[in-house]
Each structure stands twice: as structure tokens, then as C-alpha cells.
N, C-alpha and C. Protein backbone atom coordinates (compact mmCIF):
# COMPACT_ATOMS: atom_id res chain seq x y z
N MET A 1 335.29 74.71 29.92
CA MET A 1 335.36 73.73 29.01
C MET A 1 335.22 72.33 29.74
N ALA A 2 334.34 71.27 29.01
CA ALA A 2 334.16 70.23 29.17
C ALA A 2 335.55 69.35 29.27
N VAL A 3 335.97 68.58 30.20
CA VAL A 3 337.00 67.47 30.01
C VAL A 3 336.46 66.32 29.52
N ILE A 4 337.37 65.75 28.45
CA ILE A 4 336.72 64.45 28.01
C ILE A 4 337.71 63.45 28.46
N HIS A 5 337.01 62.65 29.32
CA HIS A 5 337.77 61.44 29.92
C HIS A 5 338.08 60.21 28.87
N HIS A 6 339.27 59.87 28.56
CA HIS A 6 339.17 58.39 27.62
C HIS A 6 339.44 57.47 29.01
N THR A 7 338.18 56.57 29.12
CA THR A 7 337.89 55.92 30.28
C THR A 7 337.00 54.55 29.98
N VAL A 8 336.82 53.78 30.56
CA VAL A 8 335.88 52.36 30.70
C VAL A 8 334.47 53.04 30.86
N LEU A 9 333.51 52.88 30.30
CA LEU A 9 332.25 52.67 30.56
C LEU A 9 331.63 51.53 30.52
N LYS A 10 330.66 51.32 31.76
CA LYS A 10 329.88 49.95 31.72
C LYS A 10 328.65 50.26 32.34
N PRO A 11 327.82 49.90 31.46
CA PRO A 11 327.64 49.42 30.01
C PRO A 11 327.94 50.62 29.08
N THR A 12 328.65 50.35 27.99
CA THR A 12 328.90 51.28 26.87
C THR A 12 327.82 52.39 26.37
N LYS A 13 327.82 53.34 25.95
CA LYS A 13 326.68 54.29 25.03
C LYS A 13 326.00 53.26 24.22
N LEU A 14 326.86 52.53 23.30
CA LEU A 14 325.99 51.94 22.46
C LEU A 14 325.32 50.73 23.04
N GLU A 15 325.90 50.42 23.90
CA GLU A 15 324.95 48.95 24.52
C GLU A 15 323.84 49.54 25.03
N LEU A 16 323.68 50.86 25.64
CA LEU A 16 322.76 51.70 26.19
C LEU A 16 321.62 51.81 25.16
N LEU A 17 321.88 52.33 24.13
CA LEU A 17 321.15 52.87 22.86
C LEU A 17 320.54 51.40 22.20
N THR A 18 321.31 50.09 22.18
CA THR A 18 320.85 48.95 21.62
C THR A 18 319.39 48.69 22.56
N SER A 19 319.30 48.83 23.54
CA SER A 19 318.21 48.61 24.36
C SER A 19 317.06 49.85 24.02
N TRP A 20 317.64 50.80 23.98
CA TRP A 20 316.60 52.00 24.15
C TRP A 20 315.98 52.67 22.55
N LEU A 21 316.92 52.44 21.81
CA LEU A 21 316.67 52.94 20.61
C LEU A 21 315.21 52.16 19.85
N PRO A 22 314.61 50.77 20.55
CA PRO A 22 313.66 50.30 19.63
C PRO A 22 312.40 50.64 20.34
N THR A 23 312.71 51.39 21.72
CA THR A 23 311.34 52.05 22.32
C THR A 23 311.07 53.50 21.76
N ARG A 24 311.80 53.85 20.90
CA ARG A 24 311.28 55.13 20.42
C ARG A 24 310.60 55.18 19.31
N PRO A 25 309.48 56.30 18.75
CA PRO A 25 308.64 56.29 18.02
C PRO A 25 309.13 56.17 16.66
N TRP A 26 310.36 56.93 16.48
CA TRP A 26 311.34 57.27 15.35
C TRP A 26 312.25 56.02 14.89
N TYR A 27 312.22 54.94 15.77
CA TYR A 27 313.16 53.72 15.44
C TYR A 27 312.47 53.37 14.12
N ALA A 28 313.32 52.93 13.06
CA ALA A 28 312.94 52.56 11.86
C ALA A 28 313.21 51.22 11.84
N GLY A 29 313.81 50.30 12.56
CA GLY A 29 314.23 49.04 12.50
C GLY A 29 312.91 48.11 12.89
N GLY A 30 311.87 48.50 12.98
CA GLY A 30 310.93 47.54 13.22
C GLY A 30 311.10 46.61 14.55
N THR A 31 310.92 45.36 14.32
CA THR A 31 311.32 44.50 15.45
C THR A 31 312.71 43.83 15.15
N VAL A 32 313.44 44.23 14.22
CA VAL A 32 315.00 43.87 14.25
C VAL A 32 315.71 44.51 15.52
N PRO A 33 316.48 43.93 16.25
CA PRO A 33 317.62 44.59 17.29
C PRO A 33 318.31 45.33 16.52
N PRO A 34 318.56 46.70 17.12
CA PRO A 34 319.66 47.31 16.10
C PRO A 34 320.99 47.02 16.61
N GLU A 35 322.15 47.52 15.81
CA GLU A 35 323.40 47.32 16.05
C GLU A 35 324.12 48.41 15.79
N PRO A 36 324.01 49.67 16.68
CA PRO A 36 324.36 50.85 16.35
C PRO A 36 325.91 51.08 16.37
N VAL A 37 326.47 51.81 15.45
CA VAL A 37 327.72 52.05 15.54
C VAL A 37 327.97 53.57 15.54
N LYS A 38 328.84 54.05 16.13
CA LYS A 38 329.36 55.45 16.00
C LYS A 38 329.59 56.12 15.16
N ALA A 39 329.00 57.20 14.54
CA ALA A 39 329.04 57.76 12.96
C ALA A 39 329.45 59.35 12.96
N GLY A 40 329.40 60.10 14.42
CA GLY A 40 329.80 61.24 14.54
C GLY A 40 329.09 61.81 15.34
N GLY A 41 329.10 63.14 15.43
CA GLY A 41 328.61 64.01 16.55
C GLY A 41 329.37 65.16 17.03
N PHE A 42 329.01 65.77 18.12
CA PHE A 42 329.58 67.11 18.60
C PHE A 42 329.05 67.25 20.16
N ARG A 43 329.71 68.10 20.91
CA ARG A 43 329.45 68.42 22.27
C ARG A 43 329.11 69.94 22.53
N LEU A 44 328.56 69.96 23.66
CA LEU A 44 328.26 71.44 24.25
C LEU A 44 328.75 71.43 25.55
N ASP A 45 329.19 72.56 25.67
CA ASP A 45 329.76 73.02 27.30
C ASP A 45 328.24 73.26 28.27
N ASP A 46 328.08 72.81 29.24
CA ASP A 46 327.06 73.46 30.38
C ASP A 46 327.92 74.45 31.04
N PRO A 47 327.42 75.74 31.12
CA PRO A 47 328.29 76.62 31.79
C PRO A 47 328.46 76.52 33.29
N GLN A 48 327.62 75.55 33.99
CA GLN A 48 327.67 75.29 35.10
C GLN A 48 328.74 74.15 35.43
N GLY A 49 328.99 73.48 34.55
CA GLY A 49 330.10 72.55 34.59
C GLY A 49 329.49 71.25 35.25
N GLU A 50 328.12 71.23 35.33
CA GLU A 50 327.59 69.78 35.96
C GLU A 50 327.36 68.91 35.15
N VAL A 51 326.79 69.05 33.79
CA VAL A 51 325.88 67.94 32.95
C VAL A 51 326.79 67.94 31.76
N GLY A 52 327.09 66.71 31.24
CA GLY A 52 327.65 66.53 30.30
C GLY A 52 326.65 66.55 28.86
N ILE A 53 326.99 67.24 27.86
CA ILE A 53 326.06 67.33 26.86
C ILE A 53 326.74 66.69 25.45
N GLU A 54 326.13 65.56 24.91
CA GLU A 54 326.72 65.14 23.64
C GLU A 54 325.50 64.93 22.62
N PHE A 55 325.62 65.34 21.23
CA PHE A 55 324.86 65.09 20.18
C PHE A 55 325.67 63.98 19.68
N MET A 56 325.28 62.65 19.67
CA MET A 56 325.69 61.60 18.90
C MET A 56 325.15 61.18 17.70
N VAL A 57 325.47 61.13 16.55
CA VAL A 57 324.96 60.17 15.63
C VAL A 57 325.85 58.73 15.38
N VAL A 58 324.61 57.84 15.35
CA VAL A 58 324.74 56.43 15.26
C VAL A 58 324.20 56.05 14.12
N THR A 59 324.89 54.92 13.31
CA THR A 59 324.14 54.40 12.52
C THR A 59 323.85 52.92 12.79
N ASP A 60 322.71 52.43 12.54
CA ASP A 60 322.08 51.31 12.70
C ASP A 60 322.26 50.61 11.74
N THR A 61 323.26 49.36 11.67
CA THR A 61 323.78 48.40 10.52
C THR A 61 322.81 47.22 10.48
N ALA A 62 321.81 46.90 11.25
CA ALA A 62 321.16 45.78 11.54
C ALA A 62 320.16 45.56 10.27
N GLY A 63 319.48 46.24 9.88
CA GLY A 63 318.73 46.01 8.34
C GLY A 63 319.19 45.84 7.19
N PRO A 64 318.50 45.88 6.44
CA PRO A 64 319.34 45.83 4.87
C PRO A 64 319.73 47.33 4.61
N ARG A 65 318.99 48.17 4.93
CA ARG A 65 319.65 49.88 4.68
C ARG A 65 319.93 50.25 6.02
N PRO A 66 321.22 50.69 6.06
CA PRO A 66 321.71 51.40 7.31
C PRO A 66 320.98 52.74 7.39
N THR A 67 320.51 52.93 8.90
CA THR A 67 319.85 54.22 9.04
C THR A 67 320.44 54.76 10.34
N ALA A 68 321.06 56.22 9.87
CA ALA A 68 321.51 57.35 10.84
C ALA A 68 320.57 57.98 11.65
N TYR A 69 320.79 57.91 12.95
CA TYR A 69 319.84 58.81 14.14
C TYR A 69 320.89 59.58 14.89
N LEU A 70 320.22 60.95 15.03
CA LEU A 70 320.91 61.80 15.96
C LEU A 70 320.13 61.54 17.28
N VAL A 71 321.06 61.17 18.29
CA VAL A 71 320.72 60.88 19.48
C VAL A 71 321.50 61.77 20.85
N PRO A 72 320.72 63.03 20.94
CA PRO A 72 321.16 63.98 21.84
C PRO A 72 321.31 63.11 23.22
N LEU A 73 322.17 63.38 24.05
CA LEU A 73 322.10 62.48 25.31
C LEU A 73 322.72 63.60 26.33
N THR A 74 322.46 63.61 27.70
CA THR A 74 323.01 64.12 28.66
C THR A 74 323.52 63.20 30.00
N TYR A 75 324.71 63.64 30.33
CA TYR A 75 325.12 62.72 31.53
C TYR A 75 325.26 63.73 32.87
N ARG A 76 324.79 62.93 33.84
CA ARG A 76 324.22 63.57 35.05
C ARG A 76 325.18 62.70 36.10
N GLY A 77 325.29 63.59 37.18
CA GLY A 77 326.12 62.71 38.38
C GLY A 77 324.99 62.27 39.38
N ALA A 78 323.77 62.80 39.40
CA ALA A 78 322.71 62.45 40.04
C ALA A 78 321.13 62.53 39.19
N PRO A 79 320.46 61.68 39.56
CA PRO A 79 318.94 61.84 38.79
C PRO A 79 318.39 63.01 38.84
N LEU A 80 317.64 63.31 37.58
CA LEU A 80 317.12 64.91 37.15
C LEU A 80 315.86 64.44 37.81
N GLU A 81 315.17 65.16 38.71
CA GLU A 81 313.92 65.14 39.21
C GLU A 81 312.87 65.39 38.37
N GLY A 82 311.79 64.32 38.12
CA GLY A 82 310.84 64.35 37.24
C GLY A 82 311.10 63.66 35.99
N ALA A 83 312.28 63.43 35.54
CA ALA A 83 312.59 63.15 34.44
C ALA A 83 312.76 61.27 34.08
N GLU A 84 312.06 60.62 34.94
CA GLU A 84 312.11 59.23 34.87
C GLU A 84 311.86 58.63 33.16
N ARG A 85 310.89 59.31 32.70
CA ARG A 85 310.59 58.73 31.35
C ARG A 85 311.57 59.19 30.66
N ALA A 86 312.61 60.10 30.85
CA ALA A 86 313.69 60.43 29.83
C ALA A 86 314.92 59.64 30.26
N LEU A 87 315.05 58.87 31.22
CA LEU A 87 316.35 58.10 31.53
C LEU A 87 316.50 57.08 30.30
N VAL A 88 317.63 57.10 29.91
CA VAL A 88 318.16 56.17 29.05
C VAL A 88 318.62 54.81 29.70
N GLY A 89 319.40 55.27 30.79
CA GLY A 89 320.25 54.04 31.69
C GLY A 89 321.04 54.79 32.29
N THR A 90 321.75 53.95 33.24
CA THR A 90 322.97 54.44 34.28
C THR A 90 324.22 53.56 33.49
N MET A 91 325.11 54.31 33.88
CA MET A 91 326.76 53.85 33.55
C MET A 91 327.67 53.74 34.83
N GLU A 92 328.43 53.08 34.71
CA GLU A 92 329.72 53.36 35.62
C GLU A 92 330.81 54.04 34.90
N HIS A 93 331.49 54.97 34.98
CA HIS A 93 332.55 55.74 34.52
C HIS A 93 333.61 55.57 35.17
N GLY A 94 334.78 55.35 34.41
CA GLY A 94 335.74 54.92 35.26
C GLY A 94 336.50 56.07 35.95
N VAL A 95 336.28 57.31 35.86
CA VAL A 95 336.78 58.47 36.54
C VAL A 95 335.52 59.03 37.60
N LEU A 96 334.45 59.16 36.94
CA LEU A 96 333.38 60.21 37.46
C LEU A 96 332.37 59.20 38.25
N GLY A 97 332.54 57.95 38.05
CA GLY A 97 331.75 57.26 38.97
C GLY A 97 330.28 57.00 38.22
N ARG A 98 329.06 56.88 38.86
CA ARG A 98 327.94 56.56 38.31
C ARG A 98 327.35 57.81 37.64
N ARG A 99 326.94 57.59 36.37
CA ARG A 99 326.24 58.59 35.60
C ARG A 99 324.84 58.18 35.26
N TRP A 100 323.88 58.99 35.33
CA TRP A 100 322.75 58.83 34.82
C TRP A 100 322.69 59.33 33.45
N VAL A 101 322.26 58.64 32.45
CA VAL A 101 322.23 59.39 30.96
C VAL A 101 320.62 59.30 30.55
N TYR A 102 320.43 60.61 30.10
CA TYR A 102 319.14 60.87 29.79
C TYR A 102 318.98 61.34 28.03
N ASP A 103 317.68 61.15 27.77
CA ASP A 103 317.22 61.67 26.50
C ASP A 103 317.63 63.15 26.46
N GLY A 104 318.55 63.88 25.68
CA GLY A 104 318.67 65.20 26.00
C GLY A 104 317.79 66.06 25.55
N CYS A 105 316.73 65.70 24.72
CA CYS A 105 315.54 66.46 24.04
C CYS A 105 314.77 66.80 25.33
N GLN A 106 314.70 66.05 26.24
CA GLN A 106 313.97 66.28 27.68
C GLN A 106 314.89 66.83 28.81
N ASP A 107 315.94 67.18 28.73
CA ASP A 107 316.85 67.70 29.70
C ASP A 107 316.90 69.29 29.40
N PRO A 108 316.47 70.08 30.33
CA PRO A 108 316.38 71.60 30.07
C PRO A 108 317.61 72.22 29.69
N VAL A 109 319.00 71.86 30.50
CA VAL A 109 320.33 72.05 30.03
C VAL A 109 320.50 71.98 28.61
N LEU A 110 320.42 70.81 28.08
CA LEU A 110 320.87 70.51 26.69
C LEU A 110 320.08 71.39 25.99
N VAL A 111 318.51 71.60 26.02
CA VAL A 111 317.68 72.24 25.23
C VAL A 111 318.28 73.91 25.30
N ALA A 112 318.43 74.42 26.40
CA ALA A 112 318.96 75.57 26.46
C ALA A 112 320.02 75.84 25.80
N ARG A 113 321.15 75.00 25.95
CA ARG A 113 322.72 75.09 25.48
C ARG A 113 322.51 74.85 23.77
N LEU A 114 321.24 73.99 23.34
CA LEU A 114 320.94 74.10 21.63
C LEU A 114 320.55 75.29 21.33
N LEU A 115 319.72 76.09 22.04
CA LEU A 115 319.35 77.21 21.60
C LEU A 115 320.26 78.41 21.59
N ALA A 116 321.03 78.27 22.43
CA ALA A 116 322.32 79.12 22.48
C ALA A 116 323.15 79.04 21.48
N LEU A 117 323.60 77.70 21.08
CA LEU A 117 323.99 77.34 19.60
C LEU A 117 323.51 78.02 18.44
N ILE A 118 322.28 77.97 18.34
CA ILE A 118 321.48 78.12 17.14
C ILE A 118 321.72 79.88 17.03
N GLU A 119 321.57 80.61 18.35
CA GLU A 119 321.66 82.10 18.41
C GLU A 119 323.05 82.62 18.09
N GLY A 120 323.89 81.42 18.44
CA GLY A 120 325.51 82.09 18.23
C GLY A 120 326.03 82.45 19.60
N ARG A 121 325.47 81.89 20.71
CA ARG A 121 325.91 82.16 21.93
C ARG A 121 326.87 81.12 22.74
N ALA A 122 326.81 79.79 21.88
CA ALA A 122 327.48 78.66 22.56
C ALA A 122 328.38 78.26 21.07
N GLN A 123 329.34 77.38 21.44
CA GLN A 123 330.06 76.87 20.29
C GLN A 123 330.38 75.69 20.35
N ALA A 124 330.00 74.93 19.18
CA ALA A 124 330.09 73.33 19.09
C ALA A 124 331.52 72.98 19.52
N GLN A 125 331.54 71.69 20.31
CA GLN A 125 332.72 71.29 20.58
C GLN A 125 333.14 70.12 20.09
N ALA A 126 334.68 69.35 19.93
CA ALA A 126 334.52 68.17 19.36
C ALA A 126 334.18 67.11 20.45
N GLN A 127 333.95 66.00 19.72
CA GLN A 127 333.14 64.93 20.46
C GLN A 127 334.30 64.25 21.29
N SER A 128 335.37 64.01 20.75
CA SER A 128 336.40 63.41 21.65
C SER A 128 337.67 64.12 22.08
N ALA A 129 337.71 65.34 21.93
CA ALA A 129 338.61 66.11 22.45
C ALA A 129 338.17 67.15 23.39
N SER A 130 339.27 67.62 24.37
CA SER A 130 338.84 68.38 25.32
C SER A 130 339.27 70.01 24.62
N ASP A 131 338.63 70.97 24.89
CA ASP A 131 338.76 72.30 24.74
C ASP A 131 339.07 72.44 23.08
N THR A 132 338.36 71.99 22.32
CA THR A 132 338.52 71.81 20.83
C THR A 132 337.28 72.13 20.28
N PRO A 133 337.26 73.38 19.61
CA PRO A 133 336.03 73.69 18.85
C PRO A 133 335.65 72.90 17.81
N ASP A 134 334.50 72.65 17.21
CA ASP A 134 334.30 71.78 16.19
C ASP A 134 333.75 72.70 15.08
N ARG A 135 334.42 73.06 14.08
CA ARG A 135 334.41 73.90 13.09
C ARG A 135 333.59 73.51 11.89
N GLU A 136 333.13 72.21 11.96
CA GLU A 136 332.17 71.73 10.76
C GLU A 136 330.62 71.73 11.07
N ILE A 137 330.27 72.27 12.61
CA ILE A 137 329.10 72.18 12.88
C ILE A 137 328.49 73.66 12.43
N THR A 138 327.45 73.87 11.68
CA THR A 138 327.19 75.08 11.00
C THR A 138 326.07 75.48 11.77
N ARG A 139 325.63 76.90 12.02
CA ARG A 139 324.38 77.50 12.79
C ARG A 139 323.94 78.62 12.16
N SER A 140 322.62 78.99 12.22
CA SER A 140 322.31 80.02 11.90
C SER A 140 320.84 80.66 12.60
N TYR A 141 320.63 81.75 12.67
CA TYR A 141 319.66 82.27 13.61
C TYR A 141 319.15 83.89 12.60
N THR A 142 318.18 83.82 12.42
CA THR A 142 317.70 85.25 11.39
C THR A 142 316.50 86.07 12.26
N GLY A 143 316.40 85.46 13.33
CA GLY A 143 315.24 86.05 14.15
C GLY A 143 315.74 87.34 14.98
N ASP A 144 314.65 87.98 15.27
CA ASP A 144 315.28 89.49 15.96
C ASP A 144 315.28 89.12 17.50
N ALA A 145 314.39 88.72 18.12
CA ALA A 145 314.30 88.27 19.60
C ALA A 145 315.22 87.20 20.05
N PRO A 146 315.84 87.70 21.39
CA PRO A 146 316.89 86.57 21.69
C PRO A 146 316.24 85.16 22.24
N LEU A 147 316.75 84.09 22.15
CA LEU A 147 316.54 82.74 22.00
C LEU A 147 316.63 82.27 23.75
N THR A 148 317.80 82.81 24.25
CA THR A 148 318.13 82.32 25.56
C THR A 148 318.24 83.58 26.63
N ALA A 149 318.29 83.15 27.87
CA ALA A 149 318.66 84.48 29.00
C ALA A 149 320.00 84.14 29.16
N SER A 150 320.35 84.72 30.35
CA SER A 150 321.80 84.51 30.82
C SER A 150 322.18 82.92 30.80
N PRO A 151 323.33 82.99 30.49
CA PRO A 151 323.90 81.26 30.13
C PRO A 151 323.92 80.82 31.41
N THR A 152 324.02 81.56 32.83
CA THR A 152 324.18 80.90 33.96
C THR A 152 322.79 80.72 34.74
N GLU A 153 321.65 80.98 34.05
CA GLU A 153 320.56 80.64 34.49
C GLU A 153 320.12 79.17 34.73
N SER A 154 319.73 79.09 36.04
CA SER A 154 319.56 77.77 36.74
C SER A 154 318.35 77.17 35.83
N LEU A 155 318.49 75.87 35.16
CA LEU A 155 317.33 75.15 34.54
C LEU A 155 317.20 73.98 35.06
N THR A 156 315.99 73.30 35.48
CA THR A 156 315.77 72.01 36.34
C THR A 156 314.66 71.28 35.78
N ALA A 157 313.79 72.04 35.37
CA ALA A 157 312.40 71.14 35.05
C ALA A 157 312.63 70.83 33.66
N PRO A 158 312.11 69.18 33.80
CA PRO A 158 312.31 68.51 32.39
C PRO A 158 311.38 69.08 31.59
N VAL A 159 311.87 68.97 30.05
CA VAL A 159 311.03 69.52 28.96
C VAL A 159 310.40 68.43 28.39
N THR A 160 309.08 68.97 27.91
CA THR A 160 308.08 68.28 27.20
C THR A 160 308.48 68.10 25.83
N ALA A 161 308.85 66.72 25.57
CA ALA A 161 309.10 66.51 23.88
C ALA A 161 308.12 65.81 23.30
N ILE A 162 307.79 66.20 22.07
CA ILE A 162 306.90 65.20 21.50
C ILE A 162 307.47 64.39 20.10
N ASP A 163 307.52 63.45 20.20
CA ASP A 163 308.10 62.62 18.99
C ASP A 163 307.12 62.10 18.15
N ASP A 164 307.70 62.13 16.91
CA ASP A 164 306.98 61.64 15.52
C ASP A 164 307.64 60.46 14.96
N ARG A 165 307.64 60.34 13.56
CA ARG A 165 308.27 59.10 12.84
C ARG A 165 309.76 59.32 12.57
N ASP A 166 310.16 60.78 12.69
CA ASP A 166 311.49 61.02 12.24
C ASP A 166 312.08 62.22 13.00
N GLY A 167 311.47 62.89 13.96
CA GLY A 167 312.12 63.78 14.82
C GLY A 167 311.33 63.93 16.17
N THR A 168 311.68 65.08 16.70
CA THR A 168 311.25 65.42 18.03
C THR A 168 310.81 66.85 18.14
N ALA A 169 309.60 67.52 18.45
CA ALA A 169 309.37 68.74 18.62
C ALA A 169 309.23 69.03 20.05
N LEU A 170 310.19 70.48 20.31
CA LEU A 170 310.08 70.97 21.46
C LEU A 170 309.76 72.53 21.19
N ALA A 171 309.01 72.94 22.37
CA ALA A 171 308.48 74.39 22.44
C ALA A 171 309.74 75.45 22.69
N ALA A 172 309.74 76.11 22.00
CA ALA A 172 310.66 77.33 21.99
C ALA A 172 310.25 78.72 22.26
N PRO A 173 311.21 79.61 22.77
CA PRO A 173 310.72 80.96 23.03
C PRO A 173 310.03 81.75 21.67
N HIS A 174 308.92 82.75 22.02
CA HIS A 174 308.15 83.44 20.95
C HIS A 174 307.41 82.41 20.18
N GLY A 175 306.68 81.50 20.80
CA GLY A 175 305.89 80.49 19.91
C GLY A 175 306.56 79.77 19.04
N THR A 176 307.94 79.69 18.89
CA THR A 176 308.74 78.88 17.79
C THR A 176 308.40 77.68 18.30
N THR A 177 309.26 76.50 17.22
CA THR A 177 309.36 75.23 17.62
C THR A 177 310.62 74.58 17.04
N LEU A 178 311.17 74.19 18.08
CA LEU A 178 312.47 73.68 18.06
C LEU A 178 312.36 72.19 17.49
N ARG A 179 312.88 71.88 16.24
CA ARG A 179 312.77 70.52 15.90
C ARG A 179 314.12 69.85 15.87
N VAL A 180 314.28 68.80 16.68
CA VAL A 180 315.31 67.83 16.45
C VAL A 180 315.21 66.77 15.43
N GLN A 181 316.02 66.69 14.41
CA GLN A 181 315.99 65.76 13.45
C GLN A 181 316.35 64.41 13.92
N ARG A 182 315.62 63.39 14.37
CA ARG A 182 316.12 62.07 14.99
C ARG A 182 316.66 61.20 13.71
N VAL A 183 315.76 60.66 12.84
CA VAL A 183 316.08 59.95 11.63
C VAL A 183 316.88 60.84 10.46
N LEU A 184 318.18 60.58 10.36
CA LEU A 184 318.89 61.77 9.41
C LEU A 184 319.08 61.46 7.98
N THR A 185 318.62 62.54 7.19
CA THR A 185 318.51 62.30 5.60
C THR A 185 319.84 63.13 5.30
N PRO A 186 320.79 62.51 4.31
CA PRO A 186 321.77 63.16 3.60
C PRO A 186 321.11 64.36 2.78
N VAL A 187 321.88 65.52 2.80
CA VAL A 187 321.65 66.56 1.93
C VAL A 187 322.53 66.56 1.16
N PRO A 188 322.47 66.42 -0.31
CA PRO A 188 323.48 66.58 -1.23
C PRO A 188 323.99 68.03 -1.29
N ASP A 189 325.16 68.29 -1.84
CA ASP A 189 325.86 69.41 -2.03
C ASP A 189 325.12 70.26 -2.76
N GLY A 190 324.91 71.42 -2.43
CA GLY A 190 324.09 72.27 -3.17
C GLY A 190 322.73 72.23 -3.06
N ALA A 191 322.39 71.34 -2.34
CA ALA A 191 320.77 71.30 -2.26
C ALA A 191 320.35 72.22 -1.23
N PRO A 192 318.99 72.50 -1.07
CA PRO A 192 318.61 73.45 0.02
C PRO A 192 318.63 72.68 1.46
N LEU A 193 319.06 73.21 2.37
CA LEU A 193 319.30 72.94 3.74
C LEU A 193 317.91 73.07 4.50
N LEU A 194 317.41 74.39 4.58
CA LEU A 194 316.46 74.54 5.55
C LEU A 194 315.15 74.32 4.79
N PRO A 195 313.89 73.97 5.62
CA PRO A 195 312.59 74.18 5.08
C PRO A 195 312.41 75.60 4.98
N PRO A 196 311.20 76.02 4.40
CA PRO A 196 310.70 77.41 4.14
C PRO A 196 310.28 77.89 5.31
N GLY A 197 310.71 79.15 5.20
CA GLY A 197 310.34 79.96 6.70
C GLY A 197 311.09 79.68 8.03
N ALA A 198 312.11 78.62 8.01
CA ALA A 198 312.97 78.50 9.12
C ALA A 198 313.51 79.54 9.64
N THR A 199 313.89 79.80 10.67
CA THR A 199 314.60 81.05 11.51
C THR A 199 315.70 80.77 12.11
N GLY A 200 316.16 79.30 11.94
CA GLY A 200 317.31 78.82 12.53
C GLY A 200 317.65 77.46 12.27
N HIS A 201 319.01 77.23 12.61
CA HIS A 201 319.22 75.86 12.40
C HIS A 201 320.84 75.14 12.97
N VAL A 202 320.93 74.18 13.04
CA VAL A 202 322.06 73.54 13.39
C VAL A 202 322.23 72.22 12.27
N ALA A 203 323.39 72.16 11.55
CA ALA A 203 323.89 70.88 10.66
C ALA A 203 325.18 70.56 10.85
N GLY A 204 325.29 69.36 10.25
CA GLY A 204 326.71 68.93 10.48
C GLY A 204 327.08 67.58 9.56
N PRO A 205 328.20 67.27 9.78
CA PRO A 205 328.77 65.99 9.19
C PRO A 205 328.67 64.77 9.85
N TRP A 206 328.32 63.60 9.19
CA TRP A 206 328.58 62.19 9.71
C TRP A 206 329.13 61.35 8.83
N LEU A 207 329.57 59.87 9.14
CA LEU A 207 330.08 59.03 8.48
C LEU A 207 329.22 57.76 8.28
N THR A 208 329.08 57.41 6.95
CA THR A 208 328.37 56.09 6.63
C THR A 208 329.36 55.06 6.83
N PRO A 209 328.75 53.84 7.06
CA PRO A 209 329.52 52.40 7.70
C PRO A 209 330.79 52.41 6.66
N ALA A 210 330.42 52.78 5.42
CA ALA A 210 331.45 52.48 4.34
C ALA A 210 332.67 53.67 4.23
N GLY A 211 332.34 54.94 5.25
CA GLY A 211 333.31 55.72 5.22
C GLY A 211 332.96 57.10 4.28
N ALA A 212 331.90 56.98 3.77
CA ALA A 212 331.47 58.49 3.29
C ALA A 212 330.98 59.52 3.91
N ARG A 213 331.26 60.49 3.59
CA ARG A 213 330.95 61.75 4.54
C ARG A 213 329.71 62.21 4.08
N GLN A 214 328.64 62.55 4.97
CA GLN A 214 327.44 62.81 4.51
C GLN A 214 327.09 64.24 5.43
N GLN A 215 326.25 65.00 4.67
CA GLN A 215 325.93 66.15 5.81
C GLN A 215 324.52 66.43 6.02
N SER A 216 324.07 66.50 7.31
CA SER A 216 322.45 66.32 7.38
C SER A 216 322.08 67.85 8.43
N LEU A 217 320.75 68.11 8.55
CA LEU A 217 320.29 68.93 9.06
C LEU A 217 320.19 68.35 10.56
N PHE A 218 320.49 68.87 11.79
CA PHE A 218 320.27 68.29 12.91
C PHE A 218 318.99 68.84 13.66
N ALA A 219 318.98 70.29 13.76
CA ALA A 219 317.93 71.05 14.53
C ALA A 219 317.37 72.02 13.60
N VAL A 220 316.38 72.30 13.80
CA VAL A 220 315.95 73.37 12.90
C VAL A 220 314.67 74.17 13.82
N LEU A 221 314.65 75.51 13.70
CA LEU A 221 313.87 76.27 14.44
C LEU A 221 312.76 76.67 13.47
N LEU A 222 311.41 76.60 13.69
CA LEU A 222 310.38 77.12 13.14
C LEU A 222 309.70 78.22 13.57
N PRO A 223 309.18 78.80 12.55
CA PRO A 223 308.40 80.15 13.18
C PRO A 223 307.20 79.63 13.96
N ASP A 224 306.48 80.50 14.74
CA ASP A 224 305.09 80.35 15.53
C ASP A 224 304.06 80.26 13.94
N PRO A 225 303.27 79.56 14.05
CA PRO A 225 302.19 79.33 13.11
C PRO A 225 301.33 80.14 13.00
N ARG A 226 301.08 81.07 13.91
CA ARG A 226 300.17 82.05 14.06
C ARG A 226 300.33 83.21 13.67
N GLY A 227 301.72 83.29 12.99
CA GLY A 227 302.46 84.49 12.40
C GLY A 227 302.67 85.53 13.53
């Protein structure tokens, strides 16, 4: 299990995101500089114990209407070869030293663990506490074929991620598409959570700046359009 260190980060995660978010195609703030605040999220464990994996929800309060974003991040002790375009920035960690922070949708370790979570072979962990499962994160998988190989398989190559105006599409096994929702839309109680035909998902709660609890789809697995 990953150990959560409560220590000083320079710059902070939110400071890194203030510069990075406006560079994304799905950033909805236009030319207004973002003012991100932490709104929720969860973590996943790397079986190798090398990569920190966090799914952070932040709310940008700069505009007239706050916008919530899902920002998957990975934290590495050395650069990921070939992933220069995925680098969010570097920070100094009070315990671990220099950390390279990457857009998790382009990090093969995060993508593999997200598929394992959808399949039920990984457990979501609390964002700010060590060795504590997050029971509020839901997942499902209705497919027949396995999505992941051995949890100890070495994964090193960066992932090709295609961004659009509200999410990121990733190629997944068996011709499926793993779509990570970047701009979060609250789902009312009782409303359908999954799009038609979806074969898997991850969803969870987050808090508005006013403290209201919302539920959103974080990631969805879509079938091969060729059937």
C-alpha cells in the first residue's frame, strides 16, 4: 500500500495545475486564469511501489460558474522516458525529494491500474490516508474478456491520449475505448449513470465550493464500434 506523507510540496499541486489547466483542450475557462481548489478524489496503488497514482478533482472558481475537473496525476522519482509532452511539472517533496508529475492519462502505470479498478482487480484508496480503502468509489465491468494482465507486468511506454472538449479517449484492450471524463457533470440521484452500451465504469463523489456533495462519472469503458 502507498504511504501518504503529510509534508511540504514546492510548488504545490494546485500551483502546478494553475499553469497547466489552461493548456488543455478541455479547459472551459477561456482566457481567465484558473483558481483551482481541491474538491475530492482517490488514489490507486502501484504494485511495484514506484509510482504515485492520484485521481484529483479540482473546482475552478475563477469564472462566473465553477467548473469541476478530474485530473489524474502520477508522481515519479525520475522522468518517464518519451513522456515529455505529458509532464505537468516538477515539485520538491519534503520526504521523497524531487518528483516528476505527469498527466496520468498518458502514464501507462495509471492506465493499467484504472483498467484493473474497472475490472475489480484493484481497490480505490482514500486520497489522504494510508492503507484506507475508499468505499465511495464505484466500479463495474460486464465484459467477458480480461482487461489487464499480471499486476506485476512492467509497463513503460507512454500512452497515446486523445483530448476533446470534455474528456480524454484512450485505446483499451479488445478494441474498446477507455474514456476519462475531464469536465465533470453532476449526476442527479436516480438518473442513469452510464451511456448506452458501456461495459464498465468508475464513478465517485466530490464537493462543490459551497460544500454540496455531487456524484459524477469519472471513467467509462465503451465497446468496439465495429461490434
